N, C-alpha and C. Protein backbone atom coordinates (compact mmCIF):
# COMPACT_ATOMS: atom_id res chain seq x y z
N MET A 1 0.82 -1.20 0.00
CA MET A 1 0.00 0.00 0.00
C MET A 1 0.87 1.26 0.00
N LYS A 2 1.95 1.22 0.78
CA LYS A 2 2.84 2.39 0.84
C LYS A 2 3.50 2.64 -0.51
N LYS A 3 3.82 1.56 -1.24
CA LYS A 3 4.43 1.72 -2.56
C LYS A 3 3.47 2.41 -3.52
N ILE A 4 2.20 2.02 -3.47
CA ILE A 4 1.19 2.63 -4.35
C ILE A 4 1.04 4.11 -4.04
N LEU A 5 0.98 4.46 -2.77
CA LEU A 5 0.88 5.87 -2.37
C LEU A 5 2.11 6.65 -2.80
N LEU A 6 3.28 6.05 -2.66
CA LEU A 6 4.51 6.71 -3.05
C LEU A 6 4.57 6.92 -4.56
N ILE A 7 4.17 5.93 -5.33
CA ILE A 7 4.15 6.05 -6.80
C ILE A 7 3.15 7.12 -7.21
N ASN A 8 1.97 7.12 -6.61
CA ASN A 8 0.96 8.15 -6.93
C ASN A 8 1.47 9.55 -6.58
N PHE A 9 2.18 9.67 -5.48
CA PHE A 9 2.74 10.97 -5.10
C PHE A 9 3.74 11.46 -6.14
N PHE A 10 4.65 10.60 -6.58
CA PHE A 10 5.64 10.99 -7.58
C PHE A 10 4.99 11.33 -8.91
N LEU A 11 3.96 10.58 -9.31
CA LEU A 11 3.25 10.91 -10.54
C LEU A 11 2.57 12.27 -10.43
N LEU A 12 1.98 12.57 -9.29
CA LEU A 12 1.34 13.87 -9.08
C LEU A 12 2.37 15.00 -9.15
N VAL A 13 3.54 14.80 -8.58
CA VAL A 13 4.59 15.81 -8.62
C VAL A 13 5.06 16.03 -10.05
N ILE A 14 5.26 14.96 -10.79
CA ILE A 14 5.72 15.08 -12.18
C ILE A 14 4.68 15.80 -13.03
N ILE A 15 3.43 15.44 -12.89
CA ILE A 15 2.36 16.07 -13.67
C ILE A 15 2.21 17.54 -13.30
N SER A 16 2.27 17.87 -12.04
CA SER A 16 2.08 19.26 -11.62
C SER A 16 3.27 20.15 -12.00
N CYS A 17 4.44 19.58 -12.16
CA CYS A 17 5.61 20.38 -12.55
C CYS A 17 5.53 20.84 -13.99
N ASN A 18 4.72 20.20 -14.80
CA ASN A 18 4.67 20.51 -16.22
C ASN A 18 3.37 21.23 -16.59
N GLN A 19 2.82 22.02 -15.71
CA GLN A 19 1.56 22.72 -15.94
C GLN A 19 1.68 23.79 -17.02
N SER A 20 2.86 24.32 -17.25
CA SER A 20 3.01 25.40 -18.22
C SER A 20 3.08 24.89 -19.67
N ASN A 21 3.28 23.60 -19.86
CA ASN A 21 3.38 23.05 -21.20
C ASN A 21 1.99 22.89 -21.81
N VAL A 22 1.78 23.51 -22.97
CA VAL A 22 0.50 23.44 -23.66
C VAL A 22 0.54 22.39 -24.77
N TYR A 23 1.69 22.27 -25.46
CA TYR A 23 1.80 21.38 -26.62
C TYR A 23 3.27 21.07 -26.85
N THR A 24 3.55 19.81 -27.19
CA THR A 24 4.89 19.39 -27.60
C THR A 24 4.74 18.37 -28.71
N ASN A 25 5.53 18.55 -29.76
CA ASN A 25 5.52 17.58 -30.85
C ASN A 25 6.88 17.58 -31.53
N TYR A 26 7.25 16.44 -32.09
CA TYR A 26 8.53 16.25 -32.74
C TYR A 26 8.33 15.76 -34.17
N PHE A 27 9.27 16.11 -35.02
CA PHE A 27 9.33 15.55 -36.37
C PHE A 27 10.74 15.02 -36.58
N ASN A 28 10.85 13.72 -36.84
CA ASN A 28 12.15 13.09 -37.11
C ASN A 28 12.37 13.03 -38.61
N PHE A 29 13.54 13.45 -39.05
CA PHE A 29 13.87 13.45 -40.47
C PHE A 29 14.42 12.09 -40.89
N ARG A 30 13.89 11.58 -41.99
CA ARG A 30 14.38 10.33 -42.54
C ARG A 30 15.79 10.55 -43.07
N ASP A 31 16.68 9.64 -42.75
CA ASP A 31 18.09 9.70 -43.18
C ASP A 31 18.78 10.98 -42.72
N ASN A 32 18.27 11.62 -41.67
CA ASN A 32 18.85 12.85 -41.13
C ASN A 32 19.04 13.92 -42.20
N THR A 33 18.04 14.02 -43.08
CA THR A 33 18.11 14.98 -44.19
C THR A 33 16.82 15.77 -44.26
N TRP A 34 16.95 17.09 -44.28
CA TRP A 34 15.80 17.99 -44.40
C TRP A 34 15.81 18.55 -45.82
N HIS A 35 14.81 18.20 -46.60
CA HIS A 35 14.71 18.64 -47.98
C HIS A 35 14.12 20.04 -48.05
N SER A 36 14.58 20.84 -48.98
CA SER A 36 14.15 22.24 -49.08
C SER A 36 12.69 22.38 -49.46
N ASP A 37 12.12 21.38 -50.11
CA ASP A 37 10.71 21.46 -50.49
C ASP A 37 9.78 20.90 -49.41
N SER A 38 10.33 20.56 -48.24
CA SER A 38 9.53 19.99 -47.16
C SER A 38 9.22 21.04 -46.10
N SER A 39 7.96 21.37 -45.96
CA SER A 39 7.51 22.21 -44.85
C SER A 39 7.04 21.28 -43.74
N ILE A 40 7.57 21.47 -42.57
CA ILE A 40 7.16 20.68 -41.42
C ILE A 40 5.95 21.39 -40.81
N VAL A 41 4.87 20.65 -40.59
CA VAL A 41 3.61 21.23 -40.13
C VAL A 41 3.30 20.73 -38.73
N PHE A 42 3.07 21.68 -37.82
CA PHE A 42 2.63 21.37 -36.47
C PHE A 42 1.21 21.93 -36.31
N ASP A 43 0.23 21.05 -36.11
CA ASP A 43 -1.16 21.44 -35.88
C ASP A 43 -1.46 21.35 -34.39
N PHE A 44 -2.11 22.36 -33.84
CA PHE A 44 -2.50 22.30 -32.44
C PHE A 44 -3.77 23.12 -32.23
N ASN A 45 -4.44 22.79 -31.13
CA ASN A 45 -5.69 23.43 -30.76
C ASN A 45 -5.53 24.02 -29.36
N THR A 46 -6.11 25.18 -29.13
CA THR A 46 -6.02 25.80 -27.81
C THR A 46 -7.30 25.54 -27.02
N ARG A 47 -7.13 25.38 -25.74
CA ARG A 47 -8.28 25.11 -24.86
C ARG A 47 -8.76 26.35 -24.13
N ASN A 48 -7.88 27.34 -24.02
CA ASN A 48 -8.21 28.54 -23.25
C ASN A 48 -7.74 29.78 -23.99
N ASN A 49 -8.30 30.93 -23.62
CA ASN A 49 -7.72 32.21 -24.03
C ASN A 49 -6.48 32.40 -23.17
N GLN A 50 -5.33 32.55 -23.81
CA GLN A 50 -4.10 32.68 -23.03
C GLN A 50 -2.97 33.23 -23.90
N ASN A 51 -1.92 33.65 -23.25
CA ASN A 51 -0.69 34.06 -23.94
C ASN A 51 0.25 32.87 -23.92
N ILE A 52 0.81 32.53 -25.08
CA ILE A 52 1.70 31.38 -25.16
C ILE A 52 3.00 31.74 -25.87
N ASN A 53 4.03 30.96 -25.57
CA ASN A 53 5.36 31.11 -26.18
C ASN A 53 5.65 29.89 -27.03
N PHE A 54 6.33 30.10 -28.14
CA PHE A 54 6.69 29.02 -29.07
C PHE A 54 8.20 28.84 -29.03
N ILE A 55 8.63 27.62 -28.74
CA ILE A 55 10.05 27.29 -28.69
C ILE A 55 10.33 26.23 -29.74
N LEU A 56 11.26 26.54 -30.63
CA LEU A 56 11.64 25.62 -31.69
C LEU A 56 12.99 25.02 -31.34
N THR A 57 13.10 23.70 -31.45
CA THR A 57 14.34 23.00 -31.15
C THR A 57 14.79 22.23 -32.38
N ILE A 58 16.05 22.41 -32.74
CA ILE A 58 16.64 21.67 -33.86
C ILE A 58 17.71 20.75 -33.30
N SER A 59 17.57 19.46 -33.60
CA SER A 59 18.58 18.48 -33.21
C SER A 59 19.43 18.18 -34.43
N TYR A 60 20.73 18.16 -34.23
CA TYR A 60 21.66 18.01 -35.36
C TYR A 60 22.86 17.19 -34.93
N SER A 61 23.65 16.77 -35.91
CA SER A 61 24.85 15.98 -35.64
C SER A 61 26.09 16.70 -36.16
N ASN A 62 27.23 16.11 -35.87
CA ASN A 62 28.49 16.67 -36.38
C ASN A 62 28.58 16.61 -37.90
N ASP A 63 27.68 15.85 -38.53
CA ASP A 63 27.66 15.74 -39.99
C ASP A 63 27.08 16.98 -40.66
N TYR A 64 26.47 17.86 -39.87
CA TYR A 64 25.89 19.07 -40.45
C TYR A 64 27.03 19.93 -41.02
N PRO A 65 26.97 20.33 -42.30
CA PRO A 65 28.12 20.94 -42.97
C PRO A 65 28.32 22.44 -42.72
N PHE A 66 27.38 23.11 -42.06
CA PHE A 66 27.48 24.56 -41.90
C PHE A 66 27.55 24.95 -40.43
N GLN A 67 27.88 26.20 -40.20
CA GLN A 67 27.97 26.72 -38.84
C GLN A 67 26.60 27.13 -38.30
N ASN A 68 25.68 27.50 -39.18
CA ASN A 68 24.38 27.99 -38.76
C ASN A 68 23.29 27.39 -39.65
N ILE A 69 22.05 27.72 -39.32
CA ILE A 69 20.92 27.31 -40.14
C ILE A 69 19.89 28.44 -40.14
N TYR A 70 19.36 28.71 -41.30
CA TYR A 70 18.27 29.68 -41.44
C TYR A 70 16.97 28.89 -41.61
N THR A 71 15.99 29.23 -40.82
CA THR A 71 14.67 28.62 -40.95
C THR A 71 13.62 29.71 -41.06
N SER A 72 12.56 29.39 -41.78
CA SER A 72 11.42 30.29 -41.91
C SER A 72 10.21 29.61 -41.29
N PHE A 73 9.36 30.40 -40.65
CA PHE A 73 8.14 29.84 -40.10
C PHE A 73 6.98 30.78 -40.35
N SER A 74 5.79 30.20 -40.38
CA SER A 74 4.55 30.96 -40.49
C SER A 74 3.53 30.33 -39.56
N LEU A 75 2.87 31.16 -38.78
CA LEU A 75 1.80 30.71 -37.90
C LEU A 75 0.47 31.13 -38.51
N LEU A 76 -0.41 30.14 -38.73
CA LEU A 76 -1.71 30.39 -39.35
C LEU A 76 -2.82 30.05 -38.37
N ASP A 77 -3.92 30.81 -38.42
CA ASP A 77 -5.09 30.44 -37.63
C ASP A 77 -6.01 29.54 -38.46
N ASN A 78 -7.18 29.21 -37.93
CA ASN A 78 -8.06 28.28 -38.64
C ASN A 78 -8.67 28.87 -39.90
N SER A 79 -8.59 30.20 -40.08
CA SER A 79 -9.06 30.84 -41.32
C SER A 79 -7.92 31.04 -42.31
N LYS A 80 -6.75 30.46 -42.00
CA LYS A 80 -5.54 30.55 -42.82
C LYS A 80 -4.99 31.98 -42.92
N ASN A 81 -5.29 32.79 -41.92
CA ASN A 81 -4.67 34.11 -41.81
C ASN A 81 -3.28 33.94 -41.19
N VAL A 82 -2.30 34.63 -41.74
CA VAL A 82 -0.94 34.55 -41.20
C VAL A 82 -0.85 35.49 -40.00
N LEU A 83 -0.63 34.90 -38.82
CA LEU A 83 -0.53 35.68 -37.60
C LEU A 83 0.89 36.16 -37.34
N LYS A 84 1.84 35.34 -37.73
CA LYS A 84 3.25 35.68 -37.53
C LYS A 84 4.06 34.90 -38.54
N SER A 85 5.02 35.58 -39.15
CA SER A 85 5.90 34.92 -40.11
C SER A 85 7.27 35.57 -40.00
N ASP A 86 8.31 34.75 -40.04
CA ASP A 86 9.65 35.30 -39.85
C ASP A 86 10.70 34.30 -40.33
N MET A 87 11.90 34.80 -40.56
CA MET A 87 13.06 33.96 -40.83
C MET A 87 14.01 34.17 -39.66
N ILE A 88 14.55 33.07 -39.14
CA ILE A 88 15.47 33.17 -38.02
C ILE A 88 16.76 32.43 -38.36
N GLU A 89 17.82 32.85 -37.70
CA GLU A 89 19.12 32.18 -37.84
C GLU A 89 19.46 31.54 -36.50
N LEU A 90 19.86 30.29 -36.54
CA LEU A 90 20.32 29.59 -35.35
C LEU A 90 21.79 29.23 -35.54
N GLU A 91 22.60 29.60 -34.59
CA GLU A 91 24.02 29.21 -34.60
C GLU A 91 24.12 27.80 -34.05
N LEU A 92 24.67 26.88 -34.83
CA LEU A 92 24.81 25.50 -34.40
C LEU A 92 26.24 25.17 -33.95
N PHE A 93 27.21 25.86 -34.55
CA PHE A 93 28.61 25.65 -34.19
C PHE A 93 29.25 26.99 -33.89
N GLU A 94 30.15 27.01 -32.92
CA GLU A 94 30.85 28.22 -32.53
C GLU A 94 31.71 28.69 -33.71
N LYS A 95 31.74 29.99 -33.96
CA LYS A 95 32.40 30.54 -35.17
C LYS A 95 33.91 30.33 -35.19
N LYS A 96 34.58 30.63 -34.10
CA LYS A 96 36.03 30.61 -34.11
C LYS A 96 36.62 29.20 -34.02
N TYR A 97 36.11 28.38 -33.10
CA TYR A 97 36.70 27.06 -32.86
C TYR A 97 35.88 25.91 -33.43
N GLY A 98 34.64 26.16 -33.79
CA GLY A 98 33.83 25.15 -34.45
C GLY A 98 33.21 24.09 -33.56
N TYR A 99 33.21 24.30 -32.24
CA TYR A 99 32.57 23.29 -31.40
C TYR A 99 31.06 23.47 -31.41
N PRO A 100 30.31 22.38 -31.23
CA PRO A 100 28.84 22.44 -31.29
C PRO A 100 28.27 23.25 -30.13
N LEU A 101 27.21 23.99 -30.41
CA LEU A 101 26.51 24.76 -29.40
C LEU A 101 25.25 24.02 -28.97
N GLY A 102 24.69 24.40 -27.86
CA GLY A 102 23.45 23.79 -27.38
C GLY A 102 23.73 22.62 -26.45
N ASP A 103 22.74 21.78 -26.29
CA ASP A 103 22.83 20.62 -25.41
C ASP A 103 23.20 19.38 -26.21
N GLY A 104 23.89 18.47 -25.57
CA GLY A 104 24.22 17.21 -26.21
C GLY A 104 25.63 16.78 -25.91
N ILE A 105 25.93 15.55 -26.30
CA ILE A 105 27.27 15.00 -26.10
C ILE A 105 27.67 14.19 -27.33
N LEU A 106 28.95 14.00 -27.48
CA LEU A 106 29.54 13.22 -28.55
C LEU A 106 29.16 13.72 -29.93
N LYS A 107 28.12 13.15 -30.54
CA LYS A 107 27.82 13.46 -31.93
C LYS A 107 26.50 14.18 -32.15
N ASN A 108 25.54 14.08 -31.23
CA ASN A 108 24.21 14.65 -31.40
C ASN A 108 23.96 15.79 -30.42
N PHE A 109 23.42 16.89 -30.96
CA PHE A 109 23.22 18.10 -30.18
C PHE A 109 21.87 18.71 -30.51
N SER A 110 21.42 19.63 -29.68
CA SER A 110 20.17 20.34 -29.97
C SER A 110 20.28 21.77 -29.49
N VAL A 111 19.68 22.64 -30.28
CA VAL A 111 19.64 24.07 -29.97
C VAL A 111 18.18 24.50 -30.01
N ASP A 112 17.76 25.24 -29.00
CA ASP A 112 16.40 25.72 -29.01
C ASP A 112 16.38 27.24 -28.93
N THR A 113 15.29 27.80 -29.46
CA THR A 113 15.14 29.25 -29.48
C THR A 113 13.68 29.62 -29.37
N LEU A 114 13.43 30.72 -28.72
CA LEU A 114 12.09 31.26 -28.60
C LEU A 114 11.78 31.98 -29.91
N ILE A 115 10.79 31.48 -30.67
CA ILE A 115 10.50 32.10 -31.96
C ILE A 115 9.31 33.05 -31.89
N ILE A 116 8.37 32.79 -30.97
CA ILE A 116 7.23 33.69 -30.78
C ILE A 116 7.05 33.87 -29.28
N ASN A 117 7.05 35.11 -28.85
CA ASN A 117 6.94 35.41 -27.43
C ASN A 117 5.57 36.01 -27.13
N SER A 118 4.87 35.39 -26.20
CA SER A 118 3.62 35.91 -25.64
C SER A 118 2.57 36.26 -26.71
N LEU A 119 2.18 35.25 -27.47
CA LEU A 119 1.12 35.43 -28.46
C LEU A 119 -0.22 35.14 -27.79
N ASN A 120 -1.17 36.03 -27.96
CA ASN A 120 -2.50 35.84 -27.39
C ASN A 120 -3.32 34.97 -28.33
N VAL A 121 -3.78 33.80 -27.85
CA VAL A 121 -4.57 32.89 -28.65
C VAL A 121 -5.98 32.78 -28.07
N LYS A 122 -6.90 32.40 -28.94
CA LYS A 122 -8.31 32.30 -28.55
C LYS A 122 -8.67 30.86 -28.19
N LYS A 123 -9.65 30.73 -27.34
CA LYS A 123 -10.13 29.44 -26.87
C LYS A 123 -10.71 28.62 -28.02
N ASN A 124 -10.41 27.31 -28.01
CA ASN A 124 -10.93 26.34 -28.99
C ASN A 124 -10.70 26.77 -30.44
N THR A 125 -9.51 27.19 -30.72
CA THR A 125 -9.14 27.58 -32.07
C THR A 125 -8.00 26.70 -32.55
N GLU A 126 -8.05 26.31 -33.81
CA GLU A 126 -6.99 25.49 -34.40
C GLU A 126 -5.94 26.40 -35.03
N TYR A 127 -4.68 26.06 -34.80
CA TYR A 127 -3.56 26.80 -35.35
C TYR A 127 -2.63 25.84 -36.06
N LYS A 128 -1.82 26.39 -36.95
CA LYS A 128 -0.88 25.59 -37.72
C LYS A 128 0.42 26.38 -37.82
N LEU A 129 1.53 25.74 -37.45
CA LEU A 129 2.85 26.34 -37.61
C LEU A 129 3.58 25.58 -38.71
N LEU A 130 4.00 26.31 -39.74
CA LEU A 130 4.75 25.72 -40.85
C LEU A 130 6.21 26.15 -40.71
N VAL A 131 7.12 25.19 -40.80
CA VAL A 131 8.55 25.48 -40.65
C VAL A 131 9.29 24.84 -41.82
N LYS A 132 10.18 25.60 -42.44
CA LYS A 132 11.04 25.04 -43.48
C LYS A 132 12.42 25.66 -43.37
N HIS A 133 13.41 24.96 -43.91
CA HIS A 133 14.75 25.54 -43.86
C HIS A 133 14.91 26.49 -45.04
N SER A 134 15.72 27.50 -44.84
CA SER A 134 15.93 28.54 -45.86
C SER A 134 17.39 28.59 -46.29
N MET A 135 18.01 27.43 -46.32
CA MET A 135 19.39 27.33 -46.77
C MET A 135 19.39 27.10 -48.28
N ARG A 136 20.54 27.30 -48.91
CA ARG A 136 20.64 27.14 -50.36
C ARG A 136 20.68 25.68 -50.80
N GLU A 137 21.03 24.80 -49.91
CA GLU A 137 21.13 23.38 -50.23
C GLU A 137 19.74 22.78 -50.41
N ILE A 138 19.59 21.90 -51.38
CA ILE A 138 18.32 21.20 -51.59
C ILE A 138 18.14 20.13 -50.52
N GLU A 139 19.20 19.41 -50.21
CA GLU A 139 19.18 18.41 -49.16
C GLU A 139 20.12 18.86 -48.05
N LEU A 140 19.57 19.12 -46.90
CA LEU A 140 20.34 19.60 -45.76
C LEU A 140 20.61 18.42 -44.84
N ARG A 141 21.83 17.89 -44.92
CA ARG A 141 22.20 16.69 -44.16
C ARG A 141 22.65 17.07 -42.75
N GLY A 142 22.46 16.12 -41.83
CA GLY A 142 22.90 16.30 -40.46
C GLY A 142 21.82 16.85 -39.53
N ILE A 143 20.61 17.05 -40.02
CA ILE A 143 19.51 17.50 -39.18
C ILE A 143 18.69 16.26 -38.79
N ASN A 144 18.58 15.99 -37.50
CA ASN A 144 17.92 14.78 -37.01
C ASN A 144 16.44 14.98 -36.72
N ARG A 145 16.14 16.10 -36.05
CA ARG A 145 14.78 16.28 -35.53
C ARG A 145 14.46 17.76 -35.40
N LEU A 146 13.18 18.06 -35.57
CA LEU A 146 12.65 19.40 -35.34
C LEU A 146 11.55 19.24 -34.30
N ALA A 147 11.57 20.07 -33.28
CA ALA A 147 10.58 19.97 -32.21
C ALA A 147 9.95 21.33 -31.97
N LEU A 148 8.68 21.31 -31.60
CA LEU A 148 7.97 22.52 -31.22
C LEU A 148 7.39 22.30 -29.83
N GLU A 149 7.68 23.24 -28.96
CA GLU A 149 7.09 23.23 -27.62
C GLU A 149 6.37 24.55 -27.42
N ILE A 150 5.13 24.46 -26.96
CA ILE A 150 4.33 25.65 -26.69
C ILE A 150 4.03 25.65 -25.21
N GLU A 151 4.31 26.78 -24.58
CA GLU A 151 4.06 26.87 -23.13
C GLU A 151 3.45 28.22 -22.78
N LYS A 152 2.82 28.23 -21.62
CA LYS A 152 2.19 29.45 -21.11
C LYS A 152 3.25 30.45 -20.69
């Protein structure tokens, strides 16, 4: 009985610690290659009127051939109105010495950035975030995963 109570307590603590997370989703790239004609689409629905932040995470390996990556994103509402659109640059490797930036060890790393800060969304509305790379290469090798986290 004590074990069950202890497990329930830990589950309650874990669940309550993540109250600010509204949405999390990942896209894994086949063969660690992001094609220039591929827009990654994240669909989500809001439950409340609230201000939310969008955090984009790119996971990459030492096989990535450049120091940085340019990505473009567009946030659309359910009427396909563009609410926010921008191009951002993420530094993946340090300029002078070339060591990987962000979190990770050995060969795989990830860098995250706040792409939209405090956007006011409406209750029970569907949204769509489209993300694509804006590099000159048709096939961008060394990109493992793209993740979107939305939090209050």
